[in-house]
Amino acid sequence: MFMGGISIWQLLIILVIVVLLFGTKRLKGIGTDLGGAIKGFKKAVTEEDKDADFEQKKQVEEKSAAEPVSTKTQSDVKEKS
């Protein structure tokens, strides 16, 4: 295939060695733990995004509530001048 690349046969030999070293039960446990960790990480990231969005909306609402709304029109301002 490619010069210097890893062929399918080399990957299969590595897989066989890993299975012989660790065993299928331990590999299954490692896979389960790794999958759970990835799932937890994704959940934490999405919750953080939701929290950030909520905080941003809250700040915008507080800012708009703090600013007084002017009901004067340009004609009212000209009459007082």
PDB file of N, CA and C in Angstrom:
ATOM      1  N   MET A   1       0.836  -1.181   0.000  1.00  0.00           N
ATOM      2  CA  MET A   1       0.000   0.000   0.000  1.00  0.00           C
ATOM      3  C   MET A   1       0.884   1.250   0.000  1.00  0.00           C
ATOM      4  N   PHE A   2       0.991   1.912   1.170  1.00  0.00           N
ATOM      5  CA  PHE A   2       1.771   3.130   1.283  1.00  0.00           C
ATOM      6  C   PHE A   2       3.127   2.810   1.895  1.00  0.00           C
ATOM      7  N   MET A   3       4.110   3.532   1.509  1.00  0.00           N
ATOM      8  CA  MET A   3       5.424   3.341   2.110  1.00  0.00           C
ATOM      9  C   MET A   3       5.411   3.943   3.507  1.00  0.00           C
ATOM     10  N   GLY A   4       5.821   3.156   4.476  1.00  0.00           N
ATOM     11  CA  GLY A   4       5.879   3.660   5.835  1.00  0.00           C
ATOM     12  C   GLY A   4       4.541   3.632   6.548  1.00  0.00           C
ATOM     13  N   GLY A   5       3.475   3.222   5.893  1.00  0.00           N
ATOM     14  CA  GLY A   5       2.163   3.172   6.520  1.00  0.00           C
ATOM     15  C   GLY A   5       1.940   1.840   7.209  1.00  0.00           C
ATOM     16  N   ILE A   6       0.860   1.766   7.971  1.00  0.00           N
ATOM     17  CA  ILE A   6       0.516   0.521   8.662  1.00  0.00           C
ATOM     18  C   ILE A   6      -0.519  -0.214   7.817  1.00  0.00           C
ATOM     19  N   SER A   7      -0.221  -1.457   7.499  1.00  0.00           N
ATOM     20  CA  SER A   7      -1.151  -2.243   6.681  1.00  0.00           C
ATOM     21  C   SER A   7      -2.173  -2.929   7.589  1.00  0.00           C
ATOM     22  N   ILE A   8      -3.169  -3.520   6.998  1.00  0.00           N
ATOM     23  CA  ILE A   8      -4.220  -4.210   7.734  1.00  0.00           C
ATOM     24  C   ILE A   8      -3.645  -5.400   8.490  1.00  0.00           C
ATOM     25  N   TRP A   9      -2.636  -6.063   7.917  1.00  0.00           N
ATOM     26  CA  TRP A   9      -2.021  -7.227   8.567  1.00  0.00           C
ATOM     27  C   TRP A   9      -1.291  -6.802   9.841  1.00  0.00           C
ATOM     28  N   GLN A  10      -0.629  -5.683   9.796  1.00  0.00           N
ATOM     29  CA  GLN A  10       0.069  -5.198  10.989  1.00  0.00           C
ATOM     30  C   GLN A  10      -0.924  -4.824  12.089  1.00  0.00           C
ATOM     31  N   LEU A  11      -2.039  -4.228  11.712  1.00  0.00           N
ATOM     32  CA  LEU A  11      -3.080  -3.896  12.688  1.00  0.00           C
ATOM     33  C   LEU A  11      -3.680  -5.150  13.319  1.00  0.00           C
ATOM     34  N   LEU A  12      -3.889  -6.202  12.508  1.00  0.00           N
ATOM     35  CA  LEU A  12      -4.426  -7.456  13.037  1.00  0.00           C
ATOM     36  C   LEU A  12      -3.444  -8.109  14.011  1.00  0.00           C
ATOM     37  N   ILE A  13      -2.157  -8.074  13.701  1.00  0.00           N
ATOM     38  CA  ILE A  13      -1.153  -8.641  14.601  1.00  0.00           C
ATOM     39  C   ILE A  13      -1.144  -7.878  15.923  1.00  0.00           C
ATOM     40  N   ILE A  14      -1.241  -6.550  15.878  1.00  0.00           N
ATOM     41  CA  ILE A  14      -1.288  -5.734  17.098  1.00  0.00           C
ATOM     42  C   ILE A  14      -2.537  -6.070  17.905  1.00  0.00           C
ATOM     43  N   LEU A  15      -3.666  -6.234  17.236  1.00  0.00           N
ATOM     44  CA  LEU A  15      -4.913  -6.581  17.910  1.00  0.00           C
ATOM     45  C   LEU A  15      -4.796  -7.923  18.617  1.00  0.00           C
ATOM     46  N   VAL A  16      -4.219  -8.914  17.964  1.00  0.00           N
ATOM     47  CA  VAL A  16      -4.053 -10.239  18.570  1.00  0.00           C
ATOM     48  C   VAL A  16      -3.151 -10.152  19.795  1.00  0.00           C
ATOM     49  N   ILE A  17      -2.084  -9.389  19.719  1.00  0.00           N
ATOM     50  CA  ILE A  17      -1.172  -9.246  20.857  1.00  0.00           C
ATOM     51  C   ILE A  17      -1.871  -8.569  22.031  1.00  0.00           C
ATOM     52  N   VAL A  18      -2.642  -7.524  21.754  1.00  0.00           N
ATOM     53  CA  VAL A  18      -3.364  -6.819  22.819  1.00  0.00           C
ATOM     54  C   VAL A  18      -4.375  -7.743  23.482  1.00  0.00           C
ATOM     55  N   VAL A  19      -5.104  -8.534  22.687  1.00  0.00           N
ATOM     56  CA  VAL A  19      -6.092  -9.466  23.250  1.00  0.00           C
ATOM     57  C   VAL A  19      -5.392 -10.522  24.098  1.00  0.00           C
ATOM     58  N   LEU A  20      -4.258 -11.009  23.638  1.00  0.00           N
ATOM     59  CA  LEU A  20      -3.515 -12.006  24.423  1.00  0.00           C
ATOM     60  C   LEU A  20      -2.978 -11.420  25.726  1.00  0.00           C
ATOM     61  N   LEU A  21      -2.545 -10.176  25.714  1.00  0.00           N
ATOM     62  CA  LEU A  21      -1.997  -9.545  26.908  1.00  0.00           C
ATOM     63  C   LEU A  21      -3.075  -9.231  27.941  1.00  0.00           C
ATOM     64  N   PHE A  22      -4.180  -8.652  27.511  1.00  0.00           N
ATOM     65  CA  PHE A  22      -5.187  -8.164  28.443  1.00  0.00           C
ATOM     66  C   PHE A  22      -6.367  -9.106  28.632  1.00  0.00           C
ATOM     67  N   GLY A  23      -6.707  -9.873  27.644  1.00  0.00           N
ATOM     68  CA  GLY A  23      -7.883 -10.728  27.733  1.00  0.00           C
ATOM     69  C   GLY A  23      -9.136  -9.962  27.336  1.00  0.00           C
ATOM     70  N   THR A  24     -10.133 -10.723  26.932  1.00  0.00           N
ATOM     71  CA  THR A  24     -11.352 -10.084  26.417  1.00  0.00           C
ATOM     72  C   THR A  24     -12.166  -9.426  27.521  1.00  0.00           C
ATOM     73  N   LYS A  25     -12.175 -10.010  28.735  1.00  0.00           N
ATOM     74  CA  LYS A  25     -12.968  -9.421  29.824  1.00  0.00           C
ATOM     75  C   LYS A  25     -12.407  -8.053  30.222  1.00  0.00           C
ATOM     76  N   ARG A  26     -11.103  -7.971  30.340  1.00  0.00           N
ATOM     77  CA  ARG A  26     -10.502  -6.700  30.736  1.00  0.00           C
ATOM     78  C   ARG A  26     -10.681  -5.656  29.629  1.00  0.00           C
ATOM     79  N   LEU A  27     -10.553  -6.073  28.367  1.00  0.00           N
ATOM     80  CA  LEU A  27     -10.754  -5.128  27.258  1.00  0.00           C
ATOM     81  C   LEU A  27     -12.197  -4.625  27.227  1.00  0.00           C
ATOM     82  N   LYS A  28     -13.144  -5.519  27.534  1.00  0.00           N
ATOM     83  CA  LYS A  28     -14.548  -5.106  27.574  1.00  0.00           C
ATOM     84  C   LYS A  28     -14.768  -4.081  28.680  1.00  0.00           C
ATOM     85  N   GLY A  29     -14.163  -4.317  29.841  1.00  0.00           N
ATOM     86  CA  GLY A  29     -14.276  -3.370  30.956  1.00  0.00           C
ATOM     87  C   GLY A  29     -13.644  -2.027  30.615  1.00  0.00           C
ATOM     88  N   ILE A  30     -12.487  -2.058  29.967  1.00  0.00           N
ATOM     89  CA  ILE A  30     -11.821  -0.816  29.563  1.00  0.00           C
ATOM     90  C   ILE A  30     -12.684  -0.052  28.567  1.00  0.00           C
ATOM     91  N   GLY A  31     -13.261  -0.774  27.617  1.00  0.00           N
ATOM     92  CA  GLY A  31     -14.134  -0.133  26.626  1.00  0.00           C
ATOM     93  C   GLY A  31     -15.361   0.489  27.258  1.00  0.00           C
ATOM     94  N   THR A  32     -15.949  -0.220  28.222  1.00  0.00           N
ATOM     95  CA  THR A  32     -17.128   0.307  28.925  1.00  0.00           C
ATOM     96  C   THR A  32     -16.773   1.563  29.710  1.00  0.00           C
ATOM     97  N   ASP A  33     -15.650   1.512  30.425  1.00  0.00           N
ATOM     98  CA  ASP A  33     -15.220   2.678  31.195  1.00  0.00           C
ATOM     99  C   ASP A  33     -14.903   3.871  30.297  1.00  0.00           C
ATOM    100  N   LEU A  34     -14.231   3.597  29.195  1.00  0.00           N
ATOM    101  CA  LEU A  34     -13.888   4.672  28.264  1.00  0.00           C
ATOM    102  C   LEU A  34     -15.147   5.287  27.646  1.00  0.00           C
ATOM    103  N   GLY A  35     -16.101   4.446  27.274  1.00  0.00           N
ATOM    104  CA  GLY A  35     -17.361   4.949  26.720  1.00  0.00           C
ATOM    105  C   GLY A  35     -18.131   5.797  27.721  1.00  0.00           C
ATOM    106  N   GLY A  36     -18.161   5.352  28.984  1.00  0.00           N
ATOM    107  CA  GLY A  36     -18.838   6.122  30.029  1.00  0.00           C
ATOM    108  C   GLY A  36     -18.165   7.467  30.273  1.00  0.00           C
ATOM    109  N   ALA A  37     -16.834   7.463  30.219  1.00  0.00           N
ATOM    110  CA  ALA A  37     -16.103   8.715  30.414  1.00  0.00           C
ATOM    111  C   ALA A  37     -16.381   9.696  29.280  1.00  0.00           C
ATOM    112  N   ILE A  38     -16.427   9.205  28.059  1.00  0.00           N
ATOM    113  CA  ILE A  38     -16.708  10.080  26.913  1.00  0.00           C
ATOM    114  C   ILE A  38     -18.130  10.624  27.000  1.00  0.00           C
ATOM    115  N   LYS A  39     -19.067   9.765  27.383  1.00  0.00           N
ATOM    116  CA  LYS A  39     -20.462  10.199  27.521  1.00  0.00           C
ATOM    117  C   LYS A  39     -20.591  11.277  28.594  1.00  0.00           C
ATOM    118  N   GLY A  40     -19.911  11.084  29.724  1.00  0.00           N
ATOM    119  CA  GLY A  40     -19.936  12.077  30.796  1.00  0.00           C
ATOM    120  C   GLY A  40     -19.312  13.396  30.373  1.00  0.00           C
ATOM    121  N   PHE A  41     -18.231  13.318  29.605  1.00  0.00           N
ATOM    122  CA  PHE A  41     -17.575  14.531  29.121  1.00  0.00           C
ATOM    123  C   PHE A  41     -18.498  15.309  28.186  1.00  0.00           C
ATOM    124  N   LYS A  42     -19.140  14.607  27.259  1.00  0.00           N
ATOM    125  CA  LYS A  42     -20.067  15.272  26.332  1.00  0.00           C
ATOM    126  C   LYS A  42     -21.219  15.922  27.088  1.00  0.00           C
ATOM    127  N   LYS A  43     -21.736  15.233  28.095  1.00  0.00           N
ATOM    128  CA  LYS A  43     -22.848  15.777  28.890  1.00  0.00           C
ATOM    129  C   LYS A  43     -22.411  17.040  29.625  1.00  0.00           C
ATOM    130  N   ALA A  44     -21.213  17.012  30.192  1.00  0.00           N
ATOM    131  CA  ALA A  44     -20.702  18.181  30.915  1.00  0.00           C
ATOM    132  C   ALA A  44     -20.501  19.368  29.981  1.00  0.00           C
ATOM    133  N   VAL A  45     -20.028  19.108  28.772  1.00  0.00           N
ATOM    134  CA  VAL A  45     -19.803  20.189  27.808  1.00  0.00           C
ATOM    135  C   VAL A  45     -21.130  20.814  27.384  1.00  0.00           C
ATOM    136  N   THR A  46     -22.139  19.987  27.102  1.00  0.00           N
ATOM    137  CA  THR A  46     -23.424  20.534  26.674  1.00  0.00           C
ATOM    138  C   THR A  46     -24.113  21.276  27.816  1.00  0.00           C
ATOM    139  N   GLU A  47     -23.976  20.779  29.055  1.00  0.00           N
ATOM    140  CA  GLU A  47     -24.568  21.491  30.193  1.00  0.00           C
ATOM    141  C   GLU A  47     -23.881  22.831  30.402  1.00  0.00           C
ATOM    142  N   GLU A  48     -22.573  22.868  30.193  1.00  0.00           N
ATOM    143  CA  GLU A  48     -21.836  24.120  30.347  1.00  0.00           C
ATOM    144  C   GLU A  48     -22.288  25.132  29.299  1.00  0.00           C
ATOM    145  N   ASP A  49     -22.528  24.663  28.063  1.00  0.00           N
ATOM    146  CA  ASP A  49     -23.016  25.563  27.015  1.00  0.00           C
ATOM    147  C   ASP A  49     -24.397  26.102  27.369  1.00  0.00           C
ATOM    148  N   LYS A  50     -25.254  25.244  27.906  1.00  0.00           N
ATOM    149  CA  LYS A  50     -26.594  25.687  28.290  1.00  0.00           C
ATOM    150  C   LYS A  50     -26.520  26.701  29.426  1.00  0.00           C
ATOM    151  N   ASP A  51     -25.634  26.438  30.396  1.00  0.00           N
ATOM    152  CA  ASP A  51     -25.465  27.370  31.511  1.00  0.00           C
ATOM    153  C   ASP A  51     -24.943  28.719  31.016  1.00  0.00           C
ATOM    154  N   ALA A  52     -24.008  28.687  30.069  1.00  0.00           N
ATOM    155  CA  ALA A  52     -23.448  29.929  29.534  1.00  0.00           C
ATOM    156  C   ALA A  52     -24.528  30.711  28.784  1.00  0.00           C
ATOM    157  N   ASP A  53     -25.351  30.001  27.999  1.00  0.00           N
ATOM    158  CA  ASP A  53     -26.437  30.666  27.282  1.00  0.00           C
ATOM    159  C   ASP A  53     -27.431  31.283  28.259  1.00  0.00           C
ATOM    160  N   PHE A  54     -27.754  30.552  29.335  1.00  0.00           N
ATOM    161  CA  PHE A  54     -28.690  31.048  30.328  1.00  0.00           C
ATOM    162  C   PHE A  54     -28.142  32.306  31.006  1.00  0.00           C
ATOM    163  N   GLU A  55     -26.864  32.275  31.374  1.00  0.00           N
ATOM    164  CA  GLU A  55     -26.249  33.436  32.020  1.00  0.00           C
ATOM    165  C   GLU A  55     -26.234  34.639  31.084  1.00  0.00           C
ATOM    166  N   GLN A  56     -25.960  34.406  29.811  1.00  0.00           N
ATOM    167  CA  GLN A  56     -25.922  35.504  28.841  1.00  0.00           C
ATOM    168  C   GLN A  56     -27.313  36.116  28.686  1.00  0.00           C
ATOM    169  N   LYS A  57     -28.347  35.297  28.586  1.00  0.00           N
ATOM    170  CA  LYS A  57     -29.714  35.806  28.470  1.00  0.00           C
ATOM    171  C   LYS A  57     -30.104  36.580  29.725  1.00  0.00           C
ATOM    172  N   LYS A  58     -29.693  36.069  30.880  1.00  0.00           N
ATOM    173  CA  LYS A  58     -30.014  36.732  32.140  1.00  0.00           C
ATOM    174  C   LYS A  58     -29.358  38.110  32.208  1.00  0.00           C
ATOM    175  N   GLN A  59     -28.122  38.217  31.766  1.00  0.00           N
ATOM    176  CA  GLN A  59     -27.428  39.500  31.765  1.00  0.00           C
ATOM    177  C   GLN A  59     -28.092  40.486  30.813  1.00  0.00           C
ATOM    178  N   VAL A  60     -28.528  40.013  29.655  1.00  0.00           N
ATOM    179  CA  VAL A  60     -29.191  40.893  28.690  1.00  0.00           C
ATOM    180  C   VAL A  60     -30.513  41.401  29.269  1.00  0.00           C
ATOM    181  N   GLU A  61     -31.259  40.504  29.920  1.00  0.00           N
ATOM    182  CA  GLU A  61     -32.533  40.913  30.519  1.00  0.00           C
ATOM    183  C   GLU A  61     -32.316  41.925  31.638  1.00  0.00           C
ATOM    184  N   GLU A  62     -31.295  41.696  32.467  1.00  0.00           N
ATOM    185  CA  GLU A  62     -31.011  42.631  33.557  1.00  0.00           C
ATOM    186  C   GLU A  62     -30.591  43.987  33.011  1.00  0.00           C
ATOM    187  N   LYS A  63     -29.809  43.983  31.953  1.00  0.00           N
ATOM    188  CA  LYS A  63     -29.347  45.232  31.359  1.00  0.00           C
ATOM    189  C   LYS A  63     -30.513  46.005  30.755  1.00  0.00           C
ATOM    190  N   SER A  64     -31.404  45.306  30.063  1.00  0.00           N
ATOM    191  CA  SER A  64     -32.541  45.990  29.437  1.00  0.00           C
ATOM    192  C   SER A  64     -33.526  46.481  30.504  1.00  0.00           C
ATOM    193  N   ALA A  65     -33.643  45.766  31.608  1.00  0.00           N
ATOM    194  CA  ALA A  65     -34.540  46.196  32.682  1.00  0.00           C
ATOM    195  C   ALA A  65     -33.955  47.396  33.420  1.00  0.00           C
ATOM    196  N   ALA A  66     -32.649  47.513  33.483  1.00  0.00           N
ATOM    197  CA  ALA A  66     -32.006  48.612  34.192  1.00  0.00           C
ATOM    198  C   ALA A  66     -32.053  49.918  33.411  1.00  0.00           C
ATOM    199  N   GLU A  67     -32.116  49.828  32.090  1.00  0.00           N
ATOM    200  CA  GLU A  67     -32.155  51.026  31.254  1.00  0.00           C
ATOM    201  C   GLU A  67     -33.582  51.579  31.219  1.00  0.00           C
ATOM    202  N   PRO A  68     -33.769  52.839  31.581  1.00  0.00           N
ATOM    203  CA  PRO A  68     -35.121  53.407  31.530  1.00  0.00           C
ATOM    204  C   PRO A  68     -35.556  53.598  30.077  1.00  0.00           C
ATOM    205  N   VAL A  69     -36.804  53.382  29.856  1.00  0.00           N
ATOM    206  CA  VAL A  69     -37.355  53.532  28.515  1.00  0.00           C
ATOM    207  C   VAL A  69     -37.882  54.951  28.366  1.00  0.00           C
ATOM    208  N   SER A  70     -37.415  55.660  27.367  1.00  0.00           N
ATOM    209  CA  SER A  70     -37.829  57.041  27.140  1.00  0.00           C
ATOM    210  C   SER A  70     -39.082  57.049  26.279  1.00  0.00           C
ATOM    211  N   THR A  71     -40.092  57.786  26.740  1.00  0.00           N
ATOM    212  CA  THR A  71     -41.331  57.871  25.976  1.00  0.00           C
ATOM    213  C   THR A  71     -41.466  59.196  25.261  1.00  0.00           C
ATOM    214  N   LYS A  72     -40.441  60.031  25.357  1.00  0.00           N
ATOM    215  CA  LYS A  72     -40.491  61.336  24.702  1.00  0.00           C
ATOM    216  C   LYS A  72     -40.252  61.172  23.220  1.00  0.00           C
ATOM    217  N   THR A  73     -40.978  61.969  22.463  1.00  0.00           N
ATOM    218  CA  THR A  73     -40.780  61.973  21.019  1.00  0.00           C
ATOM    219  C   THR A  73     -39.955  63.203  20.644  1.00  0.00           C
ATOM    220  N   GLN A  74     -39.550  63.267  19.439  1.00  0.00           N
ATOM    221  CA  GLN A  74     -38.749  64.417  18.996  1.00  0.00           C
ATOM    222  C   GLN A  74     -39.555  65.711  19.058  1.00  0.00           C
ATOM    223  N   SER A  75     -40.834  65.643  18.790  1.00  0.00           N
ATOM    224  CA  SER A  75     -41.666  66.854  18.844  1.00  0.00           C
ATOM    225  C   SER A  75     -41.775  67.378  20.275  1.00  0.00           C
ATOM    226  N   ASP A  76     -41.839  66.467  21.284  1.00  0.00           N
ATOM    227  CA  ASP A  76     -41.877  66.890  22.681  1.00  0.00           C
ATOM    228  C   ASP A  76     -40.583  67.594  23.068  1.00  0.00           C
ATOM    229  N   VAL A  77     -39.479  67.102  22.594  1.00  0.00           N
ATOM    230  CA  VAL A  77     -38.199  67.704  22.912  1.00  0.00           C
ATOM    231  C   VAL A  77     -38.079  69.078  22.282  1.00  0.00           C
ATOM    232  N   LYS A  78     -38.560  69.251  21.039  1.00  0.00           N
ATOM    233  CA  LYS A  78     -38.488  70.540  20.337  1.00  0.00           C
ATOM    234  C   LYS A  78     -39.389  71.570  21.009  1.00  0.00           C
ATOM    235  N   GLU A  79     -40.556  71.189  21.523  1.00  0.00           N
ATOM    236  CA  GLU A  79     -41.466  72.119  22.153  1.00  0.00           C
ATOM    237  C   GLU A  79     -40.877  72.690  23.440  1.00  0.00           C
ATOM    238  N   LYS A  80     -40.129  71.887  24.174  1.00  0.00           N
ATOM    239  CA  LYS A  80     -39.530  72.357  25.427  1.00  0.00           C
ATOM    240  C   LYS A  80     -38.366  73.299  25.154  1.00  0.00           C
ATOM    241  N   SER A  81     -37.712  73.212  24.003  1.00  0.00           N
ATOM    242  CA  SER A  81     -36.546  74.035  23.710  1.00  0.00           C
ATOM    243  C   SER A  81     -36.876  75.447  23.396  1.00  0.00           C
TER     244      SER A  81
END
